Amino acid sequence: MADWGPVIIAVVLFVLLTPGLLFQIPGRSRVVEFGNMQTSGASIVVHAIIFFGLITIFLIAIGVHIYTG
């Protein structure tokens, strides 16, 4: 029996938090830009911190588990 919870949560968060895909914090000309498909070093760091925080909450604090088999 495999636990697919961490894999699914990580993939969904990675796609949603890709800088420039849905939103970018900080943007090039504003604090938040939506759908500009561009990125910067600062936005990569901010999105990585948000990703780490959310993955920690979902996997450790809440304990999401999806079992198959």
C-alpha atoms as a PDB file:
ATOM      1  CA  MET A   1       0.000   0.000   0.000  1.00  0.00           C
ATOM      2  CA  ALA A   2       1.569   3.286  -1.107  1.00  0.00           C
ATOM      3  CA  ASP A   3       1.002   6.715   0.417  1.00  0.00           C
ATOM      4  CA  TRP A   4       0.453   9.120  -2.505  1.00  0.00           C
ATOM      5  CA  GLY A   5      -0.605  12.111  -0.371  1.00  0.00           C
ATOM      6  CA  PRO A   6       2.790  13.848  -0.241  1.00  0.00           C
ATOM      7  CA  VAL A   7       3.378  13.313  -3.969  1.00  0.00           C
ATOM      8  CA  ILE A   8       0.006  14.724  -5.039  1.00  0.00           C
ATOM      9  CA  ILE A   9       0.183  17.680  -2.645  1.00  0.00           C
ATOM     10  CA  ALA A  10       3.739  18.531  -3.771  1.00  0.00           C
ATOM     11  CA  VAL A  11       2.873  18.371  -7.481  1.00  0.00           C
ATOM     12  CA  VAL A  12      -0.270  20.500  -7.102  1.00  0.00           C
ATOM     13  CA  LEU A  13       1.533  23.115  -5.015  1.00  0.00           C
ATOM     14  CA  PHE A  14       4.484  23.162  -7.417  1.00  0.00           C
ATOM     15  CA  VAL A  15       2.216  23.835 -10.387  1.00  0.00           C
ATOM     16  CA  LEU A  16       0.109  26.446  -8.582  1.00  0.00           C
ATOM     17  CA  LEU A  17       3.097  28.259  -7.069  1.00  0.00           C
ATOM     18  CA  THR A  18       5.260  28.429 -10.185  1.00  0.00           C
ATOM     19  CA  PRO A  19       6.285  32.108 -10.349  1.00  0.00           C
ATOM     20  CA  GLY A  20       4.549  33.881 -13.216  1.00  0.00           C
ATOM     21  CA  LEU A  21       2.067  31.137 -14.068  1.00  0.00           C
ATOM     22  CA  LEU A  22      -0.914  32.270 -11.972  1.00  0.00           C
ATOM     23  CA  PHE A  23       0.678  35.079  -9.987  1.00  0.00           C
ATOM     24  CA  GLN A  24       4.079  36.490  -9.089  1.00  0.00           C
ATOM     25  CA  ILE A  25       5.133  38.006  -5.764  1.00  0.00           C
ATOM     26  CA  PRO A  26       7.009  40.412  -6.052  1.00  0.00           C
ATOM     27  CA  GLY A  27       6.248  41.427  -9.600  1.00  0.00           C
ATOM     28  CA  ARG A  28       8.496  43.475 -11.841  1.00  0.00           C
ATOM     29  CA  SER A  29       6.398  46.652 -11.656  1.00  0.00           C
ATOM     30  CA  ARG A  30       3.881  45.887  -8.862  1.00  0.00           C
ATOM     31  CA  VAL A  31       3.797  43.899  -5.656  1.00  0.00           C
ATOM     32  CA  VAL A  32       1.591  41.190  -7.197  1.00  0.00           C
ATOM     33  CA  GLU A  33       1.281  40.502 -10.929  1.00  0.00           C
ATOM     34  CA  PHE A  34      -1.071  37.938 -12.426  1.00  0.00           C
ATOM     35  CA  GLY A  35      -0.290  35.690 -15.405  1.00  0.00           C
ATOM     36  CA  ASN A  36       2.720  37.569 -16.764  1.00  0.00           C
ATOM     37  CA  MET A  37       4.796  34.397 -17.506  1.00  0.00           C
ATOM     38  CA  GLN A  38       7.990  36.125 -16.339  1.00  0.00           C
ATOM     39  CA  THR A  39      10.034  35.589 -13.203  1.00  0.00           C
ATOM     40  CA  SER A  40      12.892  37.025 -11.184  1.00  0.00           C
ATOM     41  CA  GLY A  41      15.246  35.784  -8.519  1.00  0.00           C
ATOM     42  CA  ALA A  42      13.310  37.487  -5.740  1.00  0.00           C
ATOM     43  CA  SER A  43      10.029  35.926  -6.834  1.00  0.00           C
ATOM     44  CA  ILE A  44      11.634  32.470  -6.957  1.00  0.00           C
ATOM     45  CA  VAL A  45      12.777  32.876  -3.343  1.00  0.00           C
ATOM     46  CA  VAL A  46       9.357  34.155  -2.173  1.00  0.00           C
ATOM     47  CA  HIS A  47       7.484  31.349  -3.943  1.00  0.00           C
ATOM     48  CA  ALA A  48       9.925  28.749  -2.534  1.00  0.00           C
ATOM     49  CA  ILE A  49       9.269  30.008   1.002  1.00  0.00           C
ATOM     50  CA  ILE A  50       5.492  29.901   0.420  1.00  0.00           C
ATOM     51  CA  PHE A  51       5.811  26.373  -1.038  1.00  0.00           C
ATOM     52  CA  PHE A  52       7.848  25.167   1.940  1.00  0.00           C
ATOM     53  CA  GLY A  53       5.365  26.661   4.400  1.00  0.00           C
ATOM     54  CA  LEU A  54       2.317  25.149   2.704  1.00  0.00           C
ATOM     55  CA  ILE A  55       3.889  21.724   2.194  1.00  0.00           C
ATOM     56  CA  THR A  56       4.888  21.693   5.867  1.00  0.00           C
ATOM     57  CA  ILE A  57       1.345  22.569   6.945  1.00  0.00           C
ATOM     58  CA  PHE A  58      -0.312  19.989   4.687  1.00  0.00           C
ATOM     59  CA  LEU A  59       2.059  17.102   5.331  1.00  0.00           C
ATOM     60  CA  ILE A  60       3.188  17.546   8.921  1.00  0.00           C
ATOM     61  CA  ALA A  61       0.527  19.589  10.715  1.00  0.00           C
ATOM     62  CA  ILE A  62      -2.574  18.241   8.946  1.00  0.00           C
ATOM     63  CA  GLY A  63      -1.111  14.902   7.869  1.00  0.00           C
ATOM     64  CA  VAL A  64      -2.634  14.361   4.414  1.00  0.00           C
ATOM     65  CA  HIS A  65      -2.487  10.702   3.384  1.00  0.00           C
ATOM     66  CA  ILE A  66      -3.865   9.059   0.231  1.00  0.00           C
ATOM     67  CA  TYR A  67      -3.427   5.281   0.162  1.00  0.00           C
ATOM     68  CA  THR A  68      -3.723   3.122  -2.948  1.00  0.00           C
ATOM     69  CA  GLY A  69      -3.628  -0.571  -3.408  1.00  0.00           C
END
